[in-house]
């Protein structure tokens, strides 16, 4: 990859929930079972995710660079075009939104889920 770290497709939980609702609505109107890929269709490297968290938290995060794990594929991301076409759904929130909302939730819930 460009920066040497794995690239993955990260999706905001709100986008994922909207996608599930869209799929359930489609299922109500059809007996056909279809598999939809829910994702952004693009990937972000580990370094990009760390940078987004640094922006969200307004602090530098310590990094330890290690060797790639055996079996890790360099890139993995979805093709959400079928969900876009058939469900009218697409991910709308960015990696920055994901990091900001995850950080805010953790700050408001330091003990985790009640």
N, C-alpha and C. Protein backbone atom coordinates (compact mmCIF):
# COMPACT_ATOMS: atom_id res chain seq x y z
N UNK A 1 0.85 -1.19 0.00
CA UNK A 1 0.00 0.00 0.00
C UNK A 1 0.88 1.24 0.00
N UNK A 2 0.29 2.38 -0.19
CA UNK A 2 1.07 3.61 -0.32
C UNK A 2 1.94 3.88 0.90
N UNK A 3 1.39 3.68 2.11
CA UNK A 3 2.19 3.97 3.31
C UNK A 3 2.68 2.71 4.01
N UNK A 4 2.46 1.54 3.39
CA UNK A 4 2.98 0.29 3.94
C UNK A 4 2.08 -0.39 4.96
N UNK A 5 0.93 0.21 5.29
CA UNK A 5 0.03 -0.41 6.26
C UNK A 5 -1.21 -0.95 5.54
N UNK A 6 -1.89 -1.86 6.19
CA UNK A 6 -3.09 -2.47 5.60
C UNK A 6 -4.19 -1.43 5.39
N UNK A 7 -4.96 -1.63 4.35
CA UNK A 7 -6.08 -0.75 4.02
C UNK A 7 -7.37 -1.54 4.22
N UNK A 8 -8.30 -0.94 4.96
CA UNK A 8 -9.59 -1.57 5.23
C UNK A 8 -10.70 -0.57 5.00
N UNK A 9 -11.90 -1.09 4.80
CA UNK A 9 -13.11 -0.28 4.60
C UNK A 9 -13.80 -0.11 5.95
N UNK A 10 -13.80 1.10 6.47
CA UNK A 10 -14.43 1.40 7.76
C UNK A 10 -15.76 2.07 7.50
N UNK A 11 -16.79 1.63 8.23
CA UNK A 11 -18.13 2.19 8.05
C UNK A 11 -18.66 2.65 9.41
N UNK A 12 -19.29 3.80 9.41
CA UNK A 12 -19.89 4.33 10.64
C UNK A 12 -21.08 3.47 11.03
N UNK A 13 -21.25 3.23 12.30
CA UNK A 13 -22.36 2.39 12.78
C UNK A 13 -23.72 2.96 12.36
N UNK A 14 -23.82 4.28 12.24
CA UNK A 14 -25.09 4.87 11.80
C UNK A 14 -25.37 4.53 10.33
N UNK A 15 -24.35 4.57 9.50
CA UNK A 15 -24.52 4.17 8.10
C UNK A 15 -24.88 2.69 8.01
N UNK A 16 -24.22 1.86 8.80
CA UNK A 16 -24.51 0.43 8.80
C UNK A 16 -25.96 0.17 9.22
N UNK A 17 -26.42 0.86 10.25
CA UNK A 17 -27.80 0.70 10.72
C UNK A 17 -28.78 1.12 9.63
N UNK A 18 -28.50 2.23 8.95
CA UNK A 18 -29.38 2.67 7.86
C UNK A 18 -29.42 1.63 6.74
N UNK A 19 -28.27 1.01 6.47
CA UNK A 19 -28.21 -0.03 5.45
C UNK A 19 -29.03 -1.25 5.84
N UNK A 20 -28.97 -1.62 7.10
CA UNK A 20 -29.77 -2.76 7.57
C UNK A 20 -31.26 -2.47 7.45
N UNK A 21 -31.67 -1.27 7.81
CA UNK A 21 -33.08 -0.88 7.69
C UNK A 21 -33.51 -0.92 6.22
N UNK A 22 -32.67 -0.40 5.33
CA UNK A 22 -32.99 -0.42 3.90
C UNK A 22 -33.14 -1.86 3.39
N UNK A 23 -32.26 -2.75 3.85
CA UNK A 23 -32.34 -4.16 3.42
C UNK A 23 -33.60 -4.82 3.97
N UNK A 24 -33.96 -4.52 5.21
CA UNK A 24 -35.20 -5.08 5.78
C UNK A 24 -36.43 -4.59 5.04
N UNK A 25 -36.43 -3.33 4.67
CA UNK A 25 -37.57 -2.80 3.90
C UNK A 25 -37.68 -3.51 2.55
N UNK A 26 -36.55 -3.74 1.92
CA UNK A 26 -36.54 -4.45 0.64
C UNK A 26 -37.07 -5.87 0.82
N UNK A 27 -36.67 -6.52 1.90
CA UNK A 27 -37.10 -7.88 2.17
C UNK A 27 -38.61 -7.96 2.40
N UNK A 28 -39.18 -6.91 2.99
CA UNK A 28 -40.63 -6.89 3.22
C UNK A 28 -41.42 -6.87 1.91
N UNK A 29 -40.81 -6.32 0.87
CA UNK A 29 -41.52 -6.20 -0.41
C UNK A 29 -41.13 -7.29 -1.41
N UNK A 30 -40.26 -8.21 -1.01
CA UNK A 30 -39.80 -9.24 -1.94
C UNK A 30 -39.44 -10.50 -1.16
N UNK A 31 -39.65 -11.63 -1.76
CA UNK A 31 -39.28 -12.91 -1.14
C UNK A 31 -37.85 -13.31 -1.48
N UNK A 32 -37.20 -12.54 -2.32
CA UNK A 32 -35.84 -12.87 -2.74
C UNK A 32 -34.84 -12.47 -1.67
N UNK A 33 -33.98 -13.41 -1.29
CA UNK A 33 -32.91 -13.11 -0.36
C UNK A 33 -31.69 -12.68 -1.17
N UNK A 34 -31.17 -11.52 -0.86
CA UNK A 34 -30.03 -10.96 -1.59
C UNK A 34 -28.98 -10.55 -0.57
N UNK A 35 -27.73 -10.76 -0.91
CA UNK A 35 -26.63 -10.32 -0.07
C UNK A 35 -26.15 -8.97 -0.57
N UNK A 36 -26.09 -8.00 0.34
CA UNK A 36 -25.62 -6.66 0.00
C UNK A 36 -24.34 -6.37 0.77
N UNK A 37 -23.37 -5.79 0.09
CA UNK A 37 -22.17 -5.31 0.76
C UNK A 37 -22.44 -3.90 1.26
N UNK A 38 -22.35 -3.72 2.56
CA UNK A 38 -22.54 -2.39 3.15
C UNK A 38 -21.17 -1.87 3.56
N UNK A 39 -20.71 -0.87 2.89
CA UNK A 39 -19.42 -0.27 3.16
C UNK A 39 -19.30 1.01 2.36
N UNK A 40 -18.14 1.61 2.42
CA UNK A 40 -17.94 2.87 1.71
C UNK A 40 -17.45 2.65 0.29
N UNK A 41 -16.86 1.47 0.04
CA UNK A 41 -16.29 1.21 -1.27
C UNK A 41 -14.88 1.73 -1.42
N UNK A 42 -14.37 2.37 -0.38
CA UNK A 42 -12.99 2.85 -0.38
C UNK A 42 -12.33 2.40 0.92
N UNK A 43 -11.04 2.39 0.92
CA UNK A 43 -10.32 1.96 2.12
C UNK A 43 -9.49 3.07 2.72
N UNK A 44 -9.12 2.86 3.97
CA UNK A 44 -8.22 3.77 4.69
C UNK A 44 -7.12 2.93 5.32
N UNK A 45 -5.91 3.43 5.23
CA UNK A 45 -4.77 2.72 5.82
C UNK A 45 -4.77 2.90 7.33
N UNK A 46 -3.99 2.06 8.00
CA UNK A 46 -3.85 2.17 9.45
C UNK A 46 -3.35 3.57 9.80
N UNK A 47 -2.38 4.07 9.05
CA UNK A 47 -1.85 5.41 9.33
C UNK A 47 -2.92 6.48 9.16
N UNK A 48 -3.78 6.33 8.17
CA UNK A 48 -4.87 7.31 7.97
C UNK A 48 -5.86 7.28 9.13
N UNK A 49 -6.15 6.08 9.64
CA UNK A 49 -7.07 5.97 10.78
C UNK A 49 -6.45 6.61 12.02
N UNK A 50 -5.17 6.35 12.25
CA UNK A 50 -4.49 6.96 13.40
C UNK A 50 -4.52 8.48 13.27
N UNK A 51 -4.25 8.99 12.08
CA UNK A 51 -4.29 10.45 11.86
C UNK A 51 -5.68 11.01 12.12
N UNK A 52 -6.72 10.29 11.71
CA UNK A 52 -8.10 10.74 11.95
C UNK A 52 -8.40 10.75 13.45
N UNK A 53 -7.91 9.76 14.19
CA UNK A 53 -8.11 9.75 15.64
C UNK A 53 -7.32 10.87 16.31
N UNK A 54 -6.13 11.16 15.81
CA UNK A 54 -5.37 12.28 16.36
C UNK A 54 -6.13 13.58 16.17
N UNK A 55 -6.75 13.74 15.01
CA UNK A 55 -7.55 14.93 14.74
C UNK A 55 -8.77 14.98 15.67
N UNK A 56 -9.45 13.85 15.84
CA UNK A 56 -10.65 13.79 16.68
C UNK A 56 -10.34 14.04 18.15
N UNK A 57 -9.19 13.57 18.60
CA UNK A 57 -8.85 13.69 20.02
C UNK A 57 -7.98 14.90 20.32
N UNK A 58 -7.48 15.54 19.28
CA UNK A 58 -6.58 16.69 19.43
C UNK A 58 -5.35 16.32 20.25
N UNK A 59 -4.83 15.13 20.00
CA UNK A 59 -3.61 14.71 20.68
C UNK A 59 -2.83 13.74 19.79
N UNK A 60 -1.53 13.70 20.02
CA UNK A 60 -0.70 12.74 19.30
C UNK A 60 -0.86 11.37 19.94
N UNK A 61 -0.98 10.35 19.12
CA UNK A 61 -1.11 8.99 19.62
C UNK A 61 0.21 8.26 19.44
N UNK A 62 0.63 7.52 20.46
CA UNK A 62 1.88 6.76 20.32
C UNK A 62 1.71 5.66 19.28
N UNK A 63 2.77 5.41 18.55
CA UNK A 63 2.72 4.39 17.50
C UNK A 63 3.88 3.42 17.68
N UNK A 64 3.58 2.17 17.47
CA UNK A 64 4.60 1.14 17.41
C UNK A 64 4.41 0.43 16.08
N UNK A 65 5.40 0.53 15.23
CA UNK A 65 5.31 -0.06 13.91
C UNK A 65 5.89 -1.47 13.98
N UNK A 66 5.10 -2.44 13.59
CA UNK A 66 5.54 -3.83 13.62
C UNK A 66 5.41 -4.45 12.24
N UNK A 67 5.80 -5.69 12.17
CA UNK A 67 5.70 -6.43 10.91
C UNK A 67 4.24 -6.77 10.62
N UNK A 68 3.92 -6.89 9.38
CA UNK A 68 2.58 -7.30 8.98
C UNK A 68 2.34 -8.73 9.47
N UNK A 69 1.12 -8.98 9.91
CA UNK A 69 0.76 -10.32 10.37
C UNK A 69 0.69 -11.27 9.18
N UNK A 70 1.08 -12.49 9.43
CA UNK A 70 1.01 -13.52 8.38
C UNK A 70 -0.43 -13.66 7.91
N UNK A 71 -0.61 -13.67 6.61
CA UNK A 71 -1.95 -13.85 6.05
C UNK A 71 -2.73 -12.57 5.83
N UNK A 72 -2.26 -11.44 6.38
CA UNK A 72 -2.97 -10.17 6.16
C UNK A 72 -2.94 -9.79 4.69
N UNK A 73 -4.10 -9.50 4.13
CA UNK A 73 -4.13 -9.01 2.76
C UNK A 73 -3.86 -7.51 2.80
N UNK A 74 -3.18 -6.97 1.80
CA UNK A 74 -2.85 -5.54 1.83
C UNK A 74 -4.09 -4.64 1.82
N UNK A 75 -5.10 -5.01 1.03
CA UNK A 75 -6.30 -4.17 0.89
C UNK A 75 -7.56 -5.04 0.99
N UNK A 76 -8.56 -4.50 1.66
CA UNK A 76 -9.85 -5.19 1.73
C UNK A 76 -10.94 -4.14 1.89
N UNK A 77 -11.79 -4.03 0.88
CA UNK A 77 -12.91 -3.11 0.98
C UNK A 77 -14.05 -3.61 0.11
N UNK A 78 -15.24 -3.07 0.37
CA UNK A 78 -16.46 -3.56 -0.26
C UNK A 78 -16.72 -2.91 -1.61
N UNK A 79 -17.65 -3.52 -2.31
CA UNK A 79 -18.26 -2.91 -3.49
C UNK A 79 -19.74 -2.75 -3.16
N UNK A 80 -20.15 -1.57 -2.70
CA UNK A 80 -21.54 -1.36 -2.28
C UNK A 80 -22.48 -0.99 -3.42
N UNK A 81 -22.07 -1.16 -4.67
CA UNK A 81 -22.88 -0.68 -5.79
C UNK A 81 -24.25 -1.35 -5.87
N UNK A 82 -24.36 -2.62 -5.51
CA UNK A 82 -25.67 -3.29 -5.53
C UNK A 82 -26.61 -2.68 -4.49
N UNK A 83 -26.10 -2.39 -3.31
CA UNK A 83 -26.91 -1.74 -2.27
C UNK A 83 -27.33 -0.34 -2.72
N UNK A 84 -26.44 0.35 -3.39
CA UNK A 84 -26.78 1.68 -3.90
C UNK A 84 -27.90 1.58 -4.94
N UNK A 85 -27.77 0.63 -5.86
CA UNK A 85 -28.76 0.47 -6.93
C UNK A 85 -30.10 -0.04 -6.42
N UNK A 86 -30.09 -1.10 -5.64
CA UNK A 86 -31.34 -1.75 -5.26
C UNK A 86 -31.98 -1.20 -3.99
N UNK A 87 -31.18 -0.66 -3.10
CA UNK A 87 -31.72 -0.17 -1.83
C UNK A 87 -31.77 1.36 -1.76
N UNK A 88 -31.09 2.01 -2.70
CA UNK A 88 -30.98 3.46 -2.63
C UNK A 88 -30.15 3.90 -1.44
N UNK A 89 -29.24 3.04 -1.01
CA UNK A 89 -28.42 3.29 0.18
C UNK A 89 -26.98 3.53 -0.21
N UNK A 90 -26.35 4.43 0.51
CA UNK A 90 -24.90 4.58 0.40
C UNK A 90 -24.39 5.16 1.71
N UNK A 91 -23.18 4.80 2.06
CA UNK A 91 -22.55 5.34 3.26
C UNK A 91 -22.33 6.84 3.07
N UNK A 92 -22.62 7.60 4.09
CA UNK A 92 -22.52 9.06 4.00
C UNK A 92 -21.45 9.64 4.92
N UNK A 93 -21.13 8.95 6.00
CA UNK A 93 -20.23 9.50 7.00
C UNK A 93 -18.78 9.10 6.71
N UNK A 94 -17.86 9.95 7.11
CA UNK A 94 -16.44 9.80 6.78
C UNK A 94 -15.67 9.12 7.91
N UNK A 95 -14.43 8.79 7.63
CA UNK A 95 -13.56 8.23 8.66
C UNK A 95 -13.38 9.23 9.80
N UNK A 96 -13.36 10.51 9.47
CA UNK A 96 -13.26 11.53 10.52
C UNK A 96 -14.51 11.52 11.40
N UNK A 97 -15.68 11.35 10.80
CA UNK A 97 -16.92 11.24 11.57
C UNK A 97 -16.88 10.03 12.50
N UNK A 98 -16.41 8.90 11.97
CA UNK A 98 -16.32 7.67 12.76
C UNK A 98 -15.45 7.91 13.99
N UNK A 99 -14.27 8.46 13.79
CA UNK A 99 -13.33 8.67 14.89
C UNK A 99 -13.86 9.69 15.89
N UNK A 100 -14.43 10.77 15.39
CA UNK A 100 -14.99 11.80 16.27
C UNK A 100 -16.11 11.22 17.13
N UNK A 101 -17.03 10.49 16.53
CA UNK A 101 -18.16 9.94 17.27
C UNK A 101 -17.73 8.84 18.23
N UNK A 102 -16.78 8.01 17.82
CA UNK A 102 -16.28 6.97 18.72
C UNK A 102 -15.59 7.59 19.93
N UNK A 103 -14.80 8.64 19.69
CA UNK A 103 -14.10 9.32 20.79
C UNK A 103 -15.10 10.00 21.72
N UNK A 104 -16.08 10.66 21.16
CA UNK A 104 -17.09 11.34 21.99
C UNK A 104 -17.85 10.32 22.84
N UNK A 105 -18.26 9.20 22.23
CA UNK A 105 -18.99 8.19 22.99
C UNK A 105 -18.14 7.65 24.13
N UNK A 106 -16.87 7.34 23.85
CA UNK A 106 -15.99 6.80 24.88
C UNK A 106 -15.78 7.81 26.00
N UNK A 107 -15.63 9.08 25.65
CA UNK A 107 -15.45 10.12 26.67
C UNK A 107 -16.69 10.25 27.55
N UNK A 108 -17.86 10.08 26.97
CA UNK A 108 -19.11 10.19 27.72
C UNK A 108 -19.46 8.90 28.47
N UNK A 109 -18.81 7.80 28.12
CA UNK A 109 -19.10 6.49 28.72
C UNK A 109 -17.80 5.76 29.06
N UNK A 110 -16.98 6.32 29.97
CA UNK A 110 -15.66 5.73 30.24
C UNK A 110 -15.71 4.30 30.77
N UNK A 111 -16.82 3.89 31.36
CA UNK A 111 -16.94 2.52 31.87
C UNK A 111 -17.52 1.58 30.82
N UNK A 112 -17.81 2.09 29.64
CA UNK A 112 -18.38 1.26 28.59
C UNK A 112 -19.89 1.26 28.65
N UNK A 113 -20.49 0.21 28.13
CA UNK A 113 -21.95 0.11 28.11
C UNK A 113 -22.47 -0.07 29.53
N UNK A 114 -23.60 0.59 29.84
CA UNK A 114 -24.17 0.44 31.20
C UNK A 114 -24.74 -0.95 31.43
